[in-house]
Full PDB file with SEQRES, HELIX, SHEET, SSBOND, CRYST1, ORIGX, SCALE, CONECT and MASTER records, all heavy atoms in Angstrom:
SEQRES   1 A   29  GLY CYS TYR VAL PRO VAL PRO GLY ILE ASN THR ASP VAL          
SEQRES   2 A   29  PHE SER ASN ALA ILE GLU SER ASN THR PHE LEU GLU LEU          
SEQRES   3 A   29  MET ASN SER                                                  
HELIX    1 AA1 THR A   11  GLU A   19  1                                   9    
HELIX    2 AA2 THR A   22  ASN A   28  1                                   7    
CRYST1    1.000    1.000    1.000  90.00  90.00  90.00 P 1           1          
ORIGX1      1.000000  0.000000  0.000000        0.00000                         
ORIGX2      0.000000  1.000000  0.000000        0.00000                         
ORIGX3      0.000000  0.000000  1.000000        0.00000                         
SCALE1      1.000000  0.000000  0.000000        0.00000                         
SCALE2      0.000000  1.000000  0.000000        0.00000                         
SCALE3      0.000000  0.000000  1.000000        0.00000                         
ATOM      1  N   GLY A   1      62.924  88.898  -8.073  1.00  0.00           N  
ATOM      2  CA  GLY A   1      62.256  89.685  -9.109  1.00  0.00           C  
ATOM      3  C   GLY A   1      62.196  91.162  -8.778  1.00  0.00           C  
ATOM      4  O   GLY A   1      62.158  92.011  -9.685  1.00  0.00           O  
ATOM      5  N   CYS A   2      62.209  91.494  -7.477  1.00  0.00           N  
ATOM      6  CA  CYS A   2      62.190  92.901  -7.062  1.00  0.00           C  
ATOM      7  C   CYS A   2      63.507  93.608  -7.345  1.00  0.00           C  
ATOM      8  O   CYS A   2      63.593  94.830  -7.228  1.00  0.00           O  
ATOM      9  CB  CYS A   2      61.860  93.011  -5.571  1.00  0.00           C  
ATOM     10  SG  CYS A   2      60.166  92.552  -5.146  1.00  0.00           S  
ATOM     11  N   TYR A   3      64.558  92.846  -7.686  1.00  0.00           N  
ATOM     12  CA  TYR A   3      65.854  93.430  -7.988  1.00  0.00           C  
ATOM     13  C   TYR A   3      66.226  93.301  -9.461  1.00  0.00           C  
ATOM     14  O   TYR A   3      67.303  93.746  -9.852  1.00  0.00           O  
ATOM     15  CB  TYR A   3      66.942  92.774  -7.137  1.00  0.00           C  
ATOM     16  CG  TYR A   3      66.902  93.183  -5.688  1.00  0.00           C  
ATOM     17  CD1 TYR A   3      66.242  92.398  -4.745  1.00  0.00           C  
ATOM     18  CD2 TYR A   3      67.503  94.360  -5.256  1.00  0.00           C  
ATOM     19  CE1 TYR A   3      66.194  92.767  -3.412  1.00  0.00           C  
ATOM     20  CE2 TYR A   3      67.464  94.738  -3.926  1.00  0.00           C  
ATOM     21  CZ  TYR A   3      66.803  93.939  -3.009  1.00  0.00           C  
ATOM     22  OH  TYR A   3      66.747  94.310  -1.689  1.00  0.00           O  
ATOM     23  N   VAL A   4      65.362  92.677 -10.270  1.00  0.00           N  
ATOM     24  CA  VAL A   4      65.644  92.538 -11.701  1.00  0.00           C  
ATOM     25  C   VAL A   4      65.416  93.892 -12.373  1.00  0.00           C  
ATOM     26  O   VAL A   4      64.282  94.391 -12.398  1.00  0.00           O  
ATOM     27  CB  VAL A   4      64.749  91.465 -12.342  1.00  0.00           C  
ATOM     28  CG1 VAL A   4      64.970  91.411 -13.858  1.00  0.00           C  
ATOM     29  CG2 VAL A   4      65.027  90.105 -11.718  1.00  0.00           C  
ATOM     30  N   PRO A   5      66.431  94.535 -12.910  1.00  0.00           N  
ATOM     31  CA  PRO A   5      66.260  95.882 -13.479  1.00  0.00           C  
ATOM     32  C   PRO A   5      65.554  95.842 -14.831  1.00  0.00           C  
ATOM     33  O   PRO A   5      65.637  94.856 -15.571  1.00  0.00           O  
ATOM     34  CB  PRO A   5      67.701  96.377 -13.638  1.00  0.00           C  
ATOM     35  CG  PRO A   5      68.508  95.128 -13.819  1.00  0.00           C  
ATOM     36  CD  PRO A   5      67.826  94.060 -13.001  1.00  0.00           C  
ATOM     37  N   VAL A   6      64.849  96.906 -15.129  1.00  0.00           N  
ATOM     38  CA  VAL A   6      64.222  97.088 -16.439  1.00  0.00           C  
ATOM     39  C   VAL A   6      65.130  97.997 -17.251  1.00  0.00           C  
ATOM     40  O   VAL A   6      65.491  99.087 -16.793  1.00  0.00           O  
ATOM     41  CB  VAL A   6      62.819  97.701 -16.304  1.00  0.00           C  
ATOM     42  CG1 VAL A   6      62.211  97.964 -17.676  1.00  0.00           C  
ATOM     43  CG2 VAL A   6      61.920  96.764 -15.507  1.00  0.00           C  
ATOM     44  N   PRO A   7      65.535  97.582 -18.451  1.00  0.00           N  
ATOM     45  CA  PRO A   7      66.499  98.377 -19.232  1.00  0.00           C  
ATOM     46  C   PRO A   7      65.990  99.782 -19.539  1.00  0.00           C  
ATOM     47  O   PRO A   7      64.820  99.974 -19.872  1.00  0.00           O  
ATOM     48  CB  PRO A   7      66.653  97.558 -20.529  1.00  0.00           C  
ATOM     49  CG  PRO A   7      66.223  96.170 -20.172  1.00  0.00           C  
ATOM     50  CD  PRO A   7      65.165  96.325 -19.124  1.00  0.00           C  
ATOM     51  N   GLY A   8      66.891 100.747 -19.405  1.00  0.00           N  
ATOM     52  CA  GLY A   8      66.581 102.112 -19.813  1.00  0.00           C  
ATOM     53  C   GLY A   8      65.925 102.976 -18.776  1.00  0.00           C  
ATOM     54  O   GLY A   8      65.584 104.124 -19.060  1.00  0.00           O  
ATOM     55  N   ILE A   9      65.744 102.474 -17.536  1.00  0.00           N  
ATOM     56  CA  ILE A   9      65.089 103.266 -16.497  1.00  0.00           C  
ATOM     57  C   ILE A   9      66.140 104.046 -15.713  1.00  0.00           C  
ATOM     58  O   ILE A   9      67.127 103.477 -15.231  1.00  0.00           O  
ATOM     59  CB  ILE A   9      64.287 102.368 -15.536  1.00  0.00           C  
ATOM     60  CG1 ILE A   9      63.047 101.824 -16.235  1.00  0.00           C  
ATOM     61  CG2 ILE A   9      63.872 103.126 -14.290  1.00  0.00           C  
ATOM     62  CD1 ILE A   9      62.002 102.883 -16.534  1.00  0.00           C  
ATOM     63  N   ASN A  10      65.934 105.349 -15.584  1.00  0.00           N  
ATOM     64  CA  ASN A  10      66.771 106.187 -14.740  1.00  0.00           C  
ATOM     65  C   ASN A  10      66.249 106.061 -13.307  1.00  0.00           C  
ATOM     66  O   ASN A  10      65.308 106.729 -12.905  1.00  0.00           O  
ATOM     67  CB  ASN A  10      66.711 107.640 -15.206  1.00  0.00           C  
ATOM     68  CG  ASN A  10      67.740 108.517 -14.512  1.00  0.00           C  
ATOM     69  OD1 ASN A  10      68.196 108.213 -13.416  1.00  0.00           O  
ATOM     70  ND2 ASN A  10      68.108 109.611 -15.157  1.00  0.00           N  
ATOM     71  N   THR A  11      66.856 105.175 -12.537  1.00  0.00           N  
ATOM     72  CA  THR A  11      66.325 104.835 -11.212  1.00  0.00           C  
ATOM     73  C   THR A  11      66.329 106.029 -10.259  1.00  0.00           C  
ATOM     74  O   THR A  11      65.430 106.144  -9.415  1.00  0.00           O  
ATOM     75  CB  THR A  11      67.130 103.678 -10.602  1.00  0.00           C  
ATOM     76  OG1 THR A  11      68.518 104.024 -10.555  1.00  0.00           O  
ATOM     77  CG2 THR A  11      66.956 102.411 -11.422  1.00  0.00           C  
ATOM     78  N   ASP A  12      67.320 106.915 -10.377  1.00  0.00           N  
ATOM     79  CA  ASP A  12      67.374 108.068  -9.473  1.00  0.00           C  
ATOM     80  C   ASP A  12      66.177 108.992  -9.688  1.00  0.00           C  
ATOM     81  O   ASP A  12      65.514 109.412  -8.733  1.00  0.00           O  
ATOM     82  CB  ASP A  12      68.676 108.839  -9.693  1.00  0.00           C  
ATOM     83  CG  ASP A  12      69.896 108.040  -9.271  1.00  0.00           C  
ATOM     84  OD1 ASP A  12      69.742 107.165  -8.396  1.00  0.00           O  
ATOM     85  OD2 ASP A  12      70.988 108.284  -9.821  1.00  0.00           O  
ATOM     86  N   VAL A  13      65.890 109.324 -10.953  1.00  0.00           N  
ATOM     87  CA  VAL A  13      64.748 110.190 -11.259  1.00  0.00           C  
ATOM     88  C   VAL A  13      63.443 109.493 -10.926  1.00  0.00           C  
ATOM     89  O   VAL A  13      62.510 110.090 -10.375  1.00  0.00           O  
ATOM     90  CB  VAL A  13      64.776 110.605 -12.744  1.00  0.00           C  
ATOM     91  CG1 VAL A  13      63.586 111.486 -13.089  1.00  0.00           C  
ATOM     92  CG2 VAL A  13      66.078 111.341 -13.059  1.00  0.00           C  
ATOM     93  N   PHE A  14      63.367 108.208 -11.260  1.00  0.00           N  
ATOM     94  CA  PHE A  14      62.149 107.443 -10.985  1.00  0.00           C  
ATOM     95  C   PHE A  14      61.885 107.377  -9.479  1.00  0.00           C  
ATOM     96  O   PHE A  14      60.750 107.539  -9.024  1.00  0.00           O  
ATOM     97  CB  PHE A  14      62.302 106.031 -11.561  1.00  0.00           C  
ATOM     98  CG  PHE A  14      61.003 105.314 -11.773  1.00  0.00           C  
ATOM     99  CD1 PHE A  14      60.289 105.456 -12.949  1.00  0.00           C  
ATOM    100  CD2 PHE A  14      60.481 104.485 -10.793  1.00  0.00           C  
ATOM    101  CE1 PHE A  14      59.085 104.798 -13.144  1.00  0.00           C  
ATOM    102  CE2 PHE A  14      59.286 103.820 -10.975  1.00  0.00           C  
ATOM    103  CZ  PHE A  14      58.585 103.977 -12.160  1.00  0.00           C  
ATOM    104  N   SER A  15      62.937 107.158  -8.702  1.00  0.00           N  
ATOM    105  CA  SER A  15      62.799 107.077  -7.242  1.00  0.00           C  
ATOM    106  C   SER A  15      62.336 108.410  -6.663  1.00  0.00           C  
ATOM    107  O   SER A  15      61.448 108.452  -5.798  1.00  0.00           O  
ATOM    108  CB  SER A  15      64.127 106.661  -6.618  1.00  0.00           C  
ATOM    109  OG  SER A  15      64.040 106.631  -5.220  1.00  0.00           O  
ATOM    110  N   ASN A  16      62.910 109.519  -7.131  1.00  0.00           N  
ATOM    111  CA  ASN A  16      62.491 110.839  -6.637  1.00  0.00           C  
ATOM    112  C   ASN A  16      61.045 111.128  -6.981  1.00  0.00           C  
ATOM    113  O   ASN A  16      60.304 111.732  -6.190  1.00  0.00           O  
ATOM    114  CB  ASN A  16      63.399 111.920  -7.223  1.00  0.00           C  
ATOM    115  CG  ASN A  16      64.816 111.827  -6.709  1.00  0.00           C  
ATOM    116  OD1 ASN A  16      65.058 111.337  -5.605  1.00  0.00           O  
ATOM    117  ND2 ASN A  16      65.776 112.285  -7.508  1.00  0.00           N  
ATOM    118  N   ALA A  17      60.611 110.706  -8.171  1.00  0.00           N  
ATOM    119  CA  ALA A  17      59.236 110.944  -8.585  1.00  0.00           C  
ATOM    120  C   ALA A  17      58.267 110.152  -7.729  1.00  0.00           C  
ATOM    121  O   ALA A  17      57.183 110.634  -7.355  1.00  0.00           O  
ATOM    122  CB  ALA A  17      59.061 110.581 -10.061  1.00  0.00           C  
ATOM    123  N   ILE A  18      58.617 108.898  -7.389  1.00  0.00           N  
ATOM    124  CA  ILE A  18      57.750 108.048  -6.574  1.00  0.00           C  
ATOM    125  C   ILE A  18      57.682 108.565  -5.144  1.00  0.00           C  
ATOM    126  O   ILE A  18      56.608 108.679  -4.545  1.00  0.00           O  
ATOM    127  CB  ILE A  18      58.235 106.591  -6.595  1.00  0.00           C  
ATOM    128  CG1 ILE A  18      58.107 105.990  -8.002  1.00  0.00           C  
ATOM    129  CG2 ILE A  18      57.456 105.743  -5.597  1.00  0.00           C  
ATOM    130  CD1 ILE A  18      56.706 105.891  -8.524  1.00  0.00           C  
ATOM    131  N   GLU A  19      58.831 108.893  -4.573  1.00  0.00           N  
ATOM    132  CA  GLU A  19      58.872 109.293  -3.165  1.00  0.00           C  
ATOM    133  C   GLU A  19      58.280 110.669  -2.922  1.00  0.00           C  
ATOM    134  O   GLU A  19      58.044 111.047  -1.773  1.00  0.00           O  
ATOM    135  CB  GLU A  19      60.327 109.262  -2.670  1.00  0.00           C  
ATOM    136  CG  GLU A  19      60.904 107.849  -2.614  1.00  0.00           C  
ATOM    137  CD  GLU A  19      62.358 107.830  -2.209  1.00  0.00           C  
ATOM    138  OE1 GLU A  19      62.918 108.939  -2.053  1.00  0.00           O  
ATOM    139  OE2 GLU A  19      62.928 106.736  -2.057  1.00  0.00           O  
ATOM    140  N   SER A  20      58.027 111.429  -3.976  1.00  0.00           N  
ATOM    141  CA  SER A  20      57.410 112.751  -3.805  1.00  0.00           C  
ATOM    142  C   SER A  20      55.905 112.655  -3.607  1.00  0.00           C  
ATOM    143  O   SER A  20      55.265 113.654  -3.287  1.00  0.00           O  
ATOM    144  CB  SER A  20      57.703 113.629  -5.026  1.00  0.00           C  
ATOM    145  OG  SER A  20      57.119 113.079  -6.197  1.00  0.00           O  
ATOM    146  N   ASN A  21      55.324 111.453  -3.790  1.00  0.00           N  
ATOM    147  CA  ASN A  21      53.888 111.270  -3.619  1.00  0.00           C  
ATOM    148  C   ASN A  21      53.636 110.356  -2.431  1.00  0.00           C  
ATOM    149  O   ASN A  21      54.230 109.277  -2.321  1.00  0.00           O  
ATOM    150  CB  ASN A  21      53.284 110.669  -4.896  1.00  0.00           C  
ATOM    151  CG  ASN A  21      51.767 110.524  -4.813  1.00  0.00           C  
ATOM    152  OD1 ASN A  21      51.266 109.531  -4.328  1.00  0.00           O  
ATOM    153  ND2 ASN A  21      51.053 111.538  -5.281  1.00  0.00           N  
ATOM    154  N   THR A  22      52.746 110.769  -1.530  1.00  0.00           N  
ATOM    155  CA  THR A  22      52.507 110.022  -0.292  1.00  0.00           C  
ATOM    156  C   THR A  22      51.974 108.627  -0.558  1.00  0.00           C  
ATOM    157  O   THR A  22      52.440 107.635   0.019  1.00  0.00           O  
ATOM    158  CB  THR A  22      51.524 110.785   0.603  1.00  0.00           C  
ATOM    159  OG1 THR A  22      52.000 112.109   0.812  1.00  0.00           O  
ATOM    160  CG2 THR A  22      51.356 110.088   1.946  1.00  0.00           C  
ATOM    161  N   PHE A  23      50.974 108.526  -1.448  1.00  0.00           N  
ATOM    162  CA  PHE A  23      50.354 107.227  -1.707  1.00  0.00           C  
ATOM    163  C   PHE A  23      51.322 106.283  -2.430  1.00  0.00           C  
ATOM    164  O   PHE A  23      51.403 105.101  -2.111  1.00  0.00           O  
ATOM    165  CB  PHE A  23      49.079 107.403  -2.532  1.00  0.00           C  
ATOM    166  CG  PHE A  23      48.340 106.120  -2.776  1.00  0.00           C  
ATOM    167  CD1 PHE A  23      47.725 105.456  -1.739  1.00  0.00           C  
ATOM    168  CD2 PHE A  23      48.275 105.571  -4.049  1.00  0.00           C  
ATOM    169  CE1 PHE A  23      47.047 104.265  -1.957  1.00  0.00           C  
ATOM    170  CE2 PHE A  23      47.599 104.388  -4.278  1.00  0.00           C  
ATOM    171  CZ  PHE A  23      46.974 103.735  -3.225  1.00  0.00           C  
ATOM    172  N   LEU A  24      52.072 106.816  -3.397  1.00  0.00           N  
ATOM    173  CA  LEU A  24      53.029 105.979  -4.107  1.00  0.00           C  
ATOM    174  C   LEU A  24      54.169 105.549  -3.188  1.00  0.00           C  
ATOM    175  O   LEU A  24      54.717 104.451  -3.342  1.00  0.00           O  
ATOM    176  CB  LEU A  24      53.582 106.722  -5.324  1.00  0.00           C  
ATOM    177  CG  LEU A  24      52.588 106.981  -6.458  1.00  0.00           C  
ATOM    178  CD1 LEU A  24      53.246 107.747  -7.596  1.00  0.00           C  
ATOM    179  CD2 LEU A  24      52.006 105.662  -6.985  1.00  0.00           C  
ATOM    180  N   GLU A  25      54.509 106.386  -2.224  1.00  0.00           N  
ATOM    181  CA  GLU A  25      55.530 106.006  -1.249  1.00  0.00           C  
ATOM    182  C   GLU A  25      55.028 104.861  -0.377  1.00  0.00           C  
ATOM    183  O   GLU A  25      55.783 103.954  -0.016  1.00  0.00           O  
ATOM    184  CB  GLU A  25      55.904 107.208  -0.377  1.00  0.00           C  
ATOM    185  CG  GLU A  25      57.077 106.945   0.542  1.00  0.00           C  
ATOM    186  CD  GLU A  25      57.466 108.168   1.348  1.00  0.00           C  
ATOM    187  OE1 GLU A  25      56.831 109.224   1.155  1.00  0.00           O  
ATOM    188  OE2 GLU A  25      58.392 108.062   2.157  1.00  0.00           O  
ATOM    189  N   LEU A  26      53.718 104.888  -0.043  1.00  0.00           N  
ATOM    190  CA  LEU A  26      53.116 103.778   0.697  1.00  0.00           C  
ATOM    191  C   LEU A  26      53.174 102.499  -0.124  1.00  0.00           C  
ATOM    192  O   LEU A  26      53.541 101.431   0.384  1.00  0.00           O  
ATOM    193  CB  LEU A  26      51.662 104.116   1.052  1.00  0.00           C  
ATOM    194  CG  LEU A  26      50.807 102.975   1.623  1.00  0.00           C  
ATOM    195  CD1 LEU A  26      51.392 102.488   2.940  1.00  0.00           C  
ATOM    196  CD2 LEU A  26      49.365 103.430   1.800  1.00  0.00           C  
ATOM    197  N   MET A  27      52.822 102.584  -1.400  1.00  0.00           N  
ATOM    198  CA  MET A  27      52.888 101.415  -2.275  1.00  0.00           C  
ATOM    199  C   MET A  27      54.333 100.923  -2.430  1.00  0.00           C  
ATOM    200  O   MET A  27      54.580  99.720  -2.550  1.00  0.00           O  
ATOM    201  CB  MET A  27      52.312 101.758  -3.641  1.00  0.00           C  
ATOM    202  CG  MET A  27      50.812 102.031  -3.654  1.00  0.00           C  
ATOM    203  SD  MET A  27      49.823 100.583  -3.184  1.00  0.00           S  
ATOM    204  CE  MET A  27      49.450 100.960  -1.444  1.00  0.00           C  
ATOM    205  N   ASN A  28      55.289 101.853  -2.393  1.00  0.00           N  
ATOM    206  CA  ASN A  28      56.692 101.471  -2.505  1.00  0.00           C  
ATOM    207  C   ASN A  28      57.137 100.658  -1.294  1.00  0.00           C  
ATOM    208  O   ASN A  28      57.881  99.682  -1.433  1.00  0.00           O  
ATOM    209  CB  ASN A  28      57.562 102.722  -2.644  1.00  0.00           C  
ATOM    210  CG  ASN A  28      59.037 102.400  -2.737  1.00  0.00           C  
ATOM    211  OD1 ASN A  28      59.464 101.609  -3.569  1.00  0.00           O  
ATOM    212  ND2 ASN A  28      59.822 103.012  -1.869  1.00  0.00           N  
ATOM    213  N   SER A  29      56.661 101.031  -0.101  1.00  0.00           N  
ATOM    214  CA  SER A  29      57.018 100.267   1.100  1.00  0.00           C  
ATOM    215  C   SER A  29      56.411  98.873   1.071  1.00  0.00           C  
ATOM    216  O   SER A  29      57.011  97.912   1.560  1.00  0.00           O  
ATOM    217  CB  SER A  29      56.558 101.013   2.356  1.00  0.00           C  
ATOM    218  OG  SER A  29      55.142 101.093   2.409  1.00  0.00           O  
TER     219      SER A  29                                                      
MASTER        0    0    0    2    0    0    0    6  218    1    0    3          
END                                                                             
C-alpha cells in the first residue's frame, strides 16, 4: 500500500515540499 500511487500527484514537487519540513520529514521516515 505504501507503493500504490495516487493519480495526479506530482511526486517530485510533493517530495521536495515534505522534505523541506523537519517534522514532516520525521513522519516520512
